[in-house]
């Protein structure tokens, strides 16, 4: 596999791997294992759960509430 990353990111990866005495491959493998499963995509057909803010009751929003040009 080949990943396109910036030279800065590559340098950071190499530096962090060297700090821990690991190869870059081993360092990335450890990162993936430590973070657990990556979030799944919506490929399973379920929509992602989004946060909801309950800010009280508000009437319908009109154009004049947003724009100054509406009369």
PDB file of N, CA and C in Angstrom:
ATOM      1  N   UNK A   1       0.852  -1.172   0.000  1.00  0.00           N
ATOM      2  CA  UNK A   1       0.000   0.000   0.000  1.00  0.00           C
ATOM      3  C   UNK A   1       0.894   1.230   0.000  1.00  0.00           C
ATOM      4  N   UNK A   2       0.390   2.284  -0.616  1.00  0.00           N
ATOM      5  CA  UNK A   2       1.135   3.531  -0.687  1.00  0.00           C
ATOM      6  C   UNK A   2       0.204   4.665  -0.257  1.00  0.00           C
ATOM      7  N   UNK A   3       0.668   5.500   0.651  1.00  0.00           N
ATOM      8  CA  UNK A   3      -0.115   6.650   1.109  1.00  0.00           C
ATOM      9  C   UNK A   3       0.607   7.932   0.737  1.00  0.00           C
ATOM     10  N   UNK A   4      -0.150   8.878   0.235  1.00  0.00           N
ATOM     11  CA  UNK A   4       0.411  10.200  -0.067  1.00  0.00           C
ATOM     12  C   UNK A   4       0.264  11.075   1.175  1.00  0.00           C
ATOM     13  N   UNK A   5       1.381  11.421   1.809  1.00  0.00           N
ATOM     14  CA  UNK A   5       1.362  12.316   2.959  1.00  0.00           C
ATOM     15  C   UNK A   5       2.392  13.408   2.732  1.00  0.00           C
ATOM     16  N   UNK A   6       2.215  14.490   3.430  1.00  0.00           N
ATOM     17  CA  UNK A   6       3.131  15.615   3.262  1.00  0.00           C
ATOM     18  C   UNK A   6       4.489  15.275   3.872  1.00  0.00           C
ATOM     19  N   UNK A   7       5.539  15.920   3.394  1.00  0.00           N
ATOM     20  CA  UNK A   7       6.869  15.694   3.972  1.00  0.00           C
ATOM     21  C   UNK A   7       6.918  16.011   5.469  1.00  0.00           C
ATOM     22  N   UNK A   8       6.152  16.997   5.892  1.00  0.00           N
ATOM     23  CA  UNK A   8       6.111  17.355   7.311  1.00  0.00           C
ATOM     24  C   UNK A   8       5.529  16.218   8.136  1.00  0.00           C
ATOM     25  N   UNK A   9       4.431  15.643   7.658  1.00  0.00           N
ATOM     26  CA  UNK A   9       3.800  14.537   8.366  1.00  0.00           C
ATOM     27  C   UNK A   9       4.722  13.322   8.385  1.00  0.00           C
ATOM     28  N   UNK A  10       5.382  13.070   7.279  1.00  0.00           N
ATOM     29  CA  UNK A  10       6.314  11.951   7.215  1.00  0.00           C
ATOM     30  C   UNK A  10       7.446  12.139   8.217  1.00  0.00           C
ATOM     31  N   UNK A  11       7.978  13.345   8.308  1.00  0.00           N
ATOM     32  CA  UNK A  11       9.057  13.625   9.251  1.00  0.00           C
ATOM     33  C   UNK A  11       8.589  13.432  10.686  1.00  0.00           C
ATOM     34  N   UNK A  12       7.364  13.857  10.970  1.00  0.00           N
ATOM     35  CA  UNK A  12       6.815  13.671  12.318  1.00  0.00           C
ATOM     36  C   UNK A  12       6.665  12.187  12.650  1.00  0.00           C
ATOM     37  N   UNK A  13       6.172  11.400  11.682  1.00  0.00           N
ATOM     38  CA  UNK A  13       6.025   9.965  11.902  1.00  0.00           C
ATOM     39  C   UNK A  13       7.373   9.305  12.177  1.00  0.00           C
ATOM     40  N   UNK A  14       8.367   9.645  11.374  1.00  0.00           N
ATOM     41  CA  UNK A  14       9.703   9.078  11.546  1.00  0.00           C
ATOM     42  C   UNK A  14      10.255   9.465  12.912  1.00  0.00           C
ATOM     43  N   UNK A  15      10.099  10.721  13.282  1.00  0.00           N
ATOM     44  CA  UNK A  15      10.608  11.202  14.564  1.00  0.00           C
ATOM     45  C   UNK A  15       9.951  10.480  15.738  1.00  0.00           C
ATOM     46  N   UNK A  16       8.622  10.372  15.705  1.00  0.00           N
ATOM     47  CA  UNK A  16       7.894   9.697  16.792  1.00  0.00           C
ATOM     48  C   UNK A  16       8.264   8.219  16.867  1.00  0.00           C
ATOM     49  N   UNK A  17       8.421   7.584  15.710  1.00  0.00           N
ATOM     50  CA  UNK A  17       8.801   6.170  15.690  1.00  0.00           C
ATOM     51  C   UNK A  17      10.194   5.989  16.285  1.00  0.00           C
ATOM     52  N   UNK A  18      11.125   6.866  15.930  1.00  0.00           N
ATOM     53  CA  UNK A  18      12.492   6.777  16.445  1.00  0.00           C
ATOM     54  C   UNK A  18      12.525   7.006  17.958  1.00  0.00           C
ATOM     55  N   UNK A  19      11.681   7.923  18.451  1.00  0.00           N
ATOM     56  CA  UNK A  19      11.619   8.181  19.892  1.00  0.00           C
ATOM     57  C   UNK A  19      11.262   6.915  20.660  1.00  0.00           C
ATOM     58  N   UNK A  20      10.418   6.088  20.049  1.00  0.00           N
ATOM     59  CA  UNK A  20       9.980   4.861  20.716  1.00  0.00           C
ATOM     60  C   UNK A  20      10.804   3.648  20.297  1.00  0.00           C
ATOM     61  N   UNK A  21      11.803   3.865  19.464  1.00  0.00           N
ATOM     62  CA  UNK A  21      12.673   2.782  19.037  1.00  0.00           C
ATOM     63  C   UNK A  21      11.988   1.790  18.113  1.00  0.00           C
ATOM     64  N   UNK A  22      11.054   2.280  17.297  1.00  0.00           N
ATOM     65  CA  UNK A  22      10.296   1.422  16.392  1.00  0.00           C
ATOM     66  C   UNK A  22      10.509   1.844  14.949  1.00  0.00           C
ATOM     67  N   UNK A  23      10.238   0.918  14.052  1.00  0.00           N
ATOM     68  CA  UNK A  23      10.184   1.297  12.639  1.00  0.00           C
ATOM     69  C   UNK A  23       8.878   2.053  12.419  1.00  0.00           C
ATOM     70  N   UNK A  24       8.802   2.764  11.318  1.00  0.00           N
ATOM     71  CA  UNK A  24       7.580   3.517  11.021  1.00  0.00           C
ATOM     72  C   UNK A  24       6.392   2.562  10.899  1.00  0.00           C
ATOM     73  N   UNK A  25       6.599   1.406  10.242  1.00  0.00           N
ATOM     74  CA  UNK A  25       5.518   0.428  10.105  1.00  0.00           C
ATOM     75  C   UNK A  25       5.027  -0.054  11.468  1.00  0.00           C
ATOM     76  N   UNK A  26       5.966  -0.381  12.353  1.00  0.00           N
ATOM     77  CA  UNK A  26       5.592  -0.859  13.686  1.00  0.00           C
ATOM     78  C   UNK A  26       4.900   0.245  14.483  1.00  0.00           C
ATOM     79  N   UNK A  27       5.370   1.482  14.328  1.00  0.00           N
ATOM     80  CA  UNK A  27       4.764   2.604  15.029  1.00  0.00           C
ATOM     81  C   UNK A  27       3.315   2.816  14.579  1.00  0.00           C
ATOM     82  N   UNK A  28       3.078   2.789  13.272  1.00  0.00           N
ATOM     83  CA  UNK A  28       1.721   2.961  12.751  1.00  0.00           C
ATOM     84  C   UNK A  28       0.840   1.802  13.194  1.00  0.00           C
ATOM     85  N   UNK A  29       1.370   0.596  13.171  1.00  0.00           N
ATOM     86  CA  UNK A  29       0.615  -0.574  13.634  1.00  0.00           C
ATOM     87  C   UNK A  29       0.206  -0.396  15.092  1.00  0.00           C
ATOM     88  N   UNK A  30       1.136   0.090  15.918  1.00  0.00           N
ATOM     89  CA  UNK A  30       0.822   0.326  17.334  1.00  0.00           C
ATOM     90  C   UNK A  30      -0.259   1.394  17.475  1.00  0.00           C
ATOM     91  N   UNK A  31      -0.157   2.462  16.681  1.00  0.00           N
ATOM     92  CA  UNK A  31      -1.184   3.508  16.739  1.00  0.00           C
ATOM     93  C   UNK A  31      -2.564   2.948  16.408  1.00  0.00           C
ATOM     94  N   UNK A  32      -2.619   2.140  15.365  1.00  0.00           N
ATOM     95  CA  UNK A  32      -3.906   1.560  14.965  1.00  0.00           C
ATOM     96  C   UNK A  32      -4.446   0.611  16.026  1.00  0.00           C
ATOM     97  N   UNK A  33      -3.578  -0.174  16.641  1.00  0.00           N
ATOM     98  CA  UNK A  33      -4.016  -1.105  17.677  1.00  0.00           C
ATOM     99  C   UNK A  33      -4.466  -0.370  18.930  1.00  0.00           C
ATOM    100  N   UNK A  34      -3.779   0.723  19.285  1.00  0.00           N
ATOM    101  CA  UNK A  34      -4.124   1.478  20.491  1.00  0.00           C
ATOM    102  C   UNK A  34      -5.441   2.229  20.357  1.00  0.00           C
ATOM    103  N   UNK A  35      -5.771   2.658  19.141  1.00  0.00           N
ATOM    104  CA  UNK A  35      -7.002   3.414  18.961  1.00  0.00           C
ATOM    105  C   UNK A  35      -8.210   2.505  18.805  1.00  0.00           C
ATOM    106  N   UNK A  36      -8.015   1.227  18.663  1.00  0.00           N
ATOM    107  CA  UNK A  36      -9.134   0.313  18.485  1.00  0.00           C
ATOM    108  C   UNK A  36      -9.663   0.405  17.074  1.00  0.00           C
ATOM    109  N   UNK A  37     -10.885   0.003  16.929  1.00  0.00           N
ATOM    110  CA  UNK A  37     -11.493   0.032  15.601  1.00  0.00           C
ATOM    111  C   UNK A  37     -11.697   1.461  15.138  1.00  0.00           C
ATOM    112  N   UNK A  38     -11.423   1.682  13.881  1.00  0.00           N
ATOM    113  CA  UNK A  38     -11.696   2.980  13.291  1.00  0.00           C
ATOM    114  C   UNK A  38     -13.199   3.120  13.118  1.00  0.00           C
ATOM    115  N   UNK A  39     -13.739   4.334  13.185  1.00  0.00           N
ATOM    116  CA  UNK A  39     -15.182   4.504  13.015  1.00  0.00           C
ATOM    117  C   UNK A  39     -15.635   3.935  11.681  1.00  0.00           C
ATOM    118  N   UNK A  40     -16.739   3.229  11.717  1.00  0.00           N
ATOM    119  CA  UNK A  40     -17.239   2.646  10.478  1.00  0.00           C
ATOM    120  C   UNK A  40     -17.941   3.708   9.653  1.00  0.00           C
ATOM    121  N   UNK A  41     -17.949   3.487   8.378  1.00  0.00           N
ATOM    122  CA  UNK A  41     -18.617   4.431   7.485  1.00  0.00           C
ATOM    123  C   UNK A  41     -20.101   4.112   7.457  1.00  0.00           C
ATOM    124  N   UNK A  42     -20.820   4.833   6.650  1.00  0.00           N
ATOM    125  CA  UNK A  42     -22.253   4.594   6.514  1.00  0.00           C
ATOM    126  C   UNK A  42     -22.525   3.511   5.485  1.00  0.00           C
ATOM    127  N   UNK A  43     -21.512   2.711   5.167  1.00  0.00           N
ATOM    128  CA  UNK A  43     -21.683   1.649   4.179  1.00  0.00           C
ATOM    129  C   UNK A  43     -22.676   0.588   4.642  1.00  0.00           C
ATOM    130  N   UNK A  44     -22.898   0.510   5.958  1.00  0.00           N
ATOM    131  CA  UNK A  44     -23.838  -0.480   6.457  1.00  0.00           C
ATOM    132  C   UNK A  44     -25.292  -0.031   6.276  1.00  0.00           C
ATOM    133  N   UNK A  45     -25.510   1.158   5.728  1.00  0.00           N
ATOM    134  CA  UNK A  45     -26.856   1.640   5.443  1.00  0.00           C
ATOM    135  C   UNK A  45     -27.454   2.481   6.549  1.00  0.00           C
ATOM    136  N   UNK A  46     -26.801   2.557   7.700  1.00  0.00           N
ATOM    137  CA  UNK A  46     -27.331   3.362   8.799  1.00  0.00           C
ATOM    138  C   UNK A  46     -26.742   4.763   8.755  1.00  0.00           C
ATOM    139  N   UNK A  47     -27.579   5.726   9.001  1.00  0.00           N
ATOM    140  CA  UNK A  47     -27.103   7.108   9.046  1.00  0.00           C
ATOM    141  C   UNK A  47     -26.341   7.332  10.345  1.00  0.00           C
ATOM    142  N   UNK A  48     -25.320   8.180  10.331  1.00  0.00           N
ATOM    143  CA  UNK A  48     -24.586   8.455  11.571  1.00  0.00           C
ATOM    144  C   UNK A  48     -25.471   9.204  12.558  1.00  0.00           C
ATOM    145  N   UNK A  49     -25.221   9.005  13.825  1.00  0.00           N
ATOM    146  CA  UNK A  49     -25.974   9.701  14.868  1.00  0.00           C
ATOM    147  C   UNK A  49     -25.342  11.065  15.066  1.00  0.00           C
ATOM    148  N   UNK A  50     -26.135  12.098  14.912  1.00  0.00           N
ATOM    149  CA  UNK A  50     -25.644  13.461  15.048  1.00  0.00           C
ATOM    150  C   UNK A  50     -26.130  14.057  16.359  1.00  0.00           C
ATOM    151  N   UNK A  51     -25.337  14.952  16.952  1.00  0.00           N
ATOM    152  CA  UNK A  51     -25.777  15.564  18.207  1.00  0.00           C
ATOM    153  C   UNK A  51     -26.975  16.486  17.977  1.00  0.00           C
ATOM    154  N   UNK A  52     -27.815  16.582  18.982  1.00  0.00           N
ATOM    155  CA  UNK A  52     -29.008  17.428  18.902  1.00  0.00           C
ATOM    156  C   UNK A  52     -28.958  18.421  20.048  1.00  0.00           C
ATOM    157  N   UNK A  53     -29.205  19.668  19.744  1.00  0.00           N
ATOM    158  CA  UNK A  53     -29.297  20.692  20.773  1.00  0.00           C
ATOM    159  C   UNK A  53     -30.749  21.093  20.910  1.00  0.00           C
ATOM    160  N   UNK A  54     -31.270  21.019  22.103  1.00  0.00           N
ATOM    161  CA  UNK A  54     -32.630  21.467  22.362  1.00  0.00           C
ATOM    162  C   UNK A  54     -32.544  22.886  22.922  1.00  0.00           C
ATOM    163  N   UNK A  55     -32.884  23.850  22.096  1.00  0.00           N
ATOM    164  CA  UNK A  55     -32.713  25.256  22.461  1.00  0.00           C
ATOM    165  C   UNK A  55     -34.036  25.943  22.764  1.00  0.00           C
ATOM    166  N   UNK A  56     -35.061  25.188  22.993  1.00  0.00           N
ATOM    167  CA  UNK A  56     -36.348  25.770  23.300  1.00  0.00           C
ATOM    168  C   UNK A  56     -37.225  25.830  22.069  1.00  0.00           C
ATOM    169  N   UNK A  57     -38.402  26.371  22.262  1.00  0.00           N
ATOM    170  CA  UNK A  57     -39.382  26.437  21.188  1.00  0.00           C
ATOM    171  C   UNK A  57     -39.172  27.712  20.389  1.00  0.00           C
ATOM    172  N   UNK A  58     -39.211  27.592  19.097  1.00  0.00           N
ATOM    173  CA  UNK A  58     -39.044  28.724  18.190  1.00  0.00           C
ATOM    174  C   UNK A  58     -40.040  28.545  17.067  1.00  0.00           C
ATOM    175  N   UNK A  59     -40.668  29.618  16.679  1.00  0.00           N
ATOM    176  CA  UNK A  59     -41.606  29.556  15.563  1.00  0.00           C
ATOM    177  C   UNK A  59     -40.876  29.332  14.263  1.00  0.00           C
ATOM    178  N   UNK A  60     -41.628  29.279  13.191  1.00  0.00           N
ATOM    179  CA  UNK A  60     -41.016  29.055  11.895  1.00  0.00           C
ATOM    180  C   UNK A  60     -40.112  30.228  11.527  1.00  0.00           C
ATOM    181  N   UNK A  61     -39.034  29.938  10.869  1.00  0.00           N
ATOM    182  CA  UNK A  61     -38.045  30.928  10.472  1.00  0.00           C
ATOM    183  C   UNK A  61     -38.473  31.561   9.151  1.00  0.00           C
ATOM    184  N   UNK A  62     -38.490  32.866   9.120  1.00  0.00           N
ATOM    185  CA  UNK A  62     -38.895  33.610   7.937  1.00  0.00           C
ATOM    186  C   UNK A  62     -37.673  34.276   7.311  1.00  0.00           C
ATOM    187  N   UNK A  63     -37.783  34.591   6.024  1.00  0.00           N
ATOM    188  CA  UNK A  63     -36.683  35.248   5.322  1.00  0.00           C
ATOM    189  C   UNK A  63     -36.311  36.570   5.995  1.00  0.00           C
ATOM    190  N   UNK A  64     -37.283  37.307   6.472  1.00  0.00           N
ATOM    191  CA  UNK A  64     -36.988  38.604   7.096  1.00  0.00           C
ATOM    192  C   UNK A  64     -36.193  38.453   8.396  1.00  0.00           C
ATOM    193  N   UNK A  65     -36.218  37.252   8.986  1.00  0.00           N
ATOM    194  CA  UNK A  65     -35.431  36.993  10.181  1.00  0.00           C
ATOM    195  C   UNK A  65     -33.935  36.853   9.868  1.00  0.00           C
ATOM    196  N   UNK A  66     -33.621  36.575   8.593  1.00  0.00           N
ATOM    197  CA  UNK A  66     -32.239  36.317   8.200  1.00  0.00           C
ATOM    198  C   UNK A  66     -31.655  37.473   7.388  1.00  0.00           C
ATOM    199  N   UNK A  67     -32.421  37.943   6.396  1.00  0.00           N
ATOM    200  CA  UNK A  67     -31.912  38.927   5.448  1.00  0.00           C
ATOM    201  C   UNK A  67     -32.547  40.293   5.664  1.00  0.00           C
ATOM    202  N   UNK A  68     -31.740  41.343   5.451  1.00  0.00           N
ATOM    203  CA  UNK A  68     -32.226  42.711   5.580  1.00  0.00           C
ATOM    204  C   UNK A  68     -33.043  43.154   4.390  1.00  0.00           C
ATOM    205  N   UNK A  69     -32.937  42.482   3.243  1.00  0.00           N
ATOM    206  CA  UNK A  69     -33.611  42.945   2.039  1.00  0.00           C
ATOM    207  C   UNK A  69     -35.084  42.553   1.978  1.00  0.00           C
ATOM    208  N   UNK A  70     -35.515  41.667   2.846  1.00  0.00           N
ATOM    209  CA  UNK A  70     -36.919  41.227   2.826  1.00  0.00           C
ATOM    210  C   UNK A  70     -37.773  42.257   3.555  1.00  0.00           C
ATOM    211  N   UNK A  71     -38.933  42.530   3.010  1.00  0.00           N
ATOM    212  CA  UNK A  71     -39.789  43.562   3.593  1.00  0.00           C
ATOM    213  C   UNK A  71     -40.926  43.090   4.363  1.00  0.00           C
TER     214      UNK A  71
END
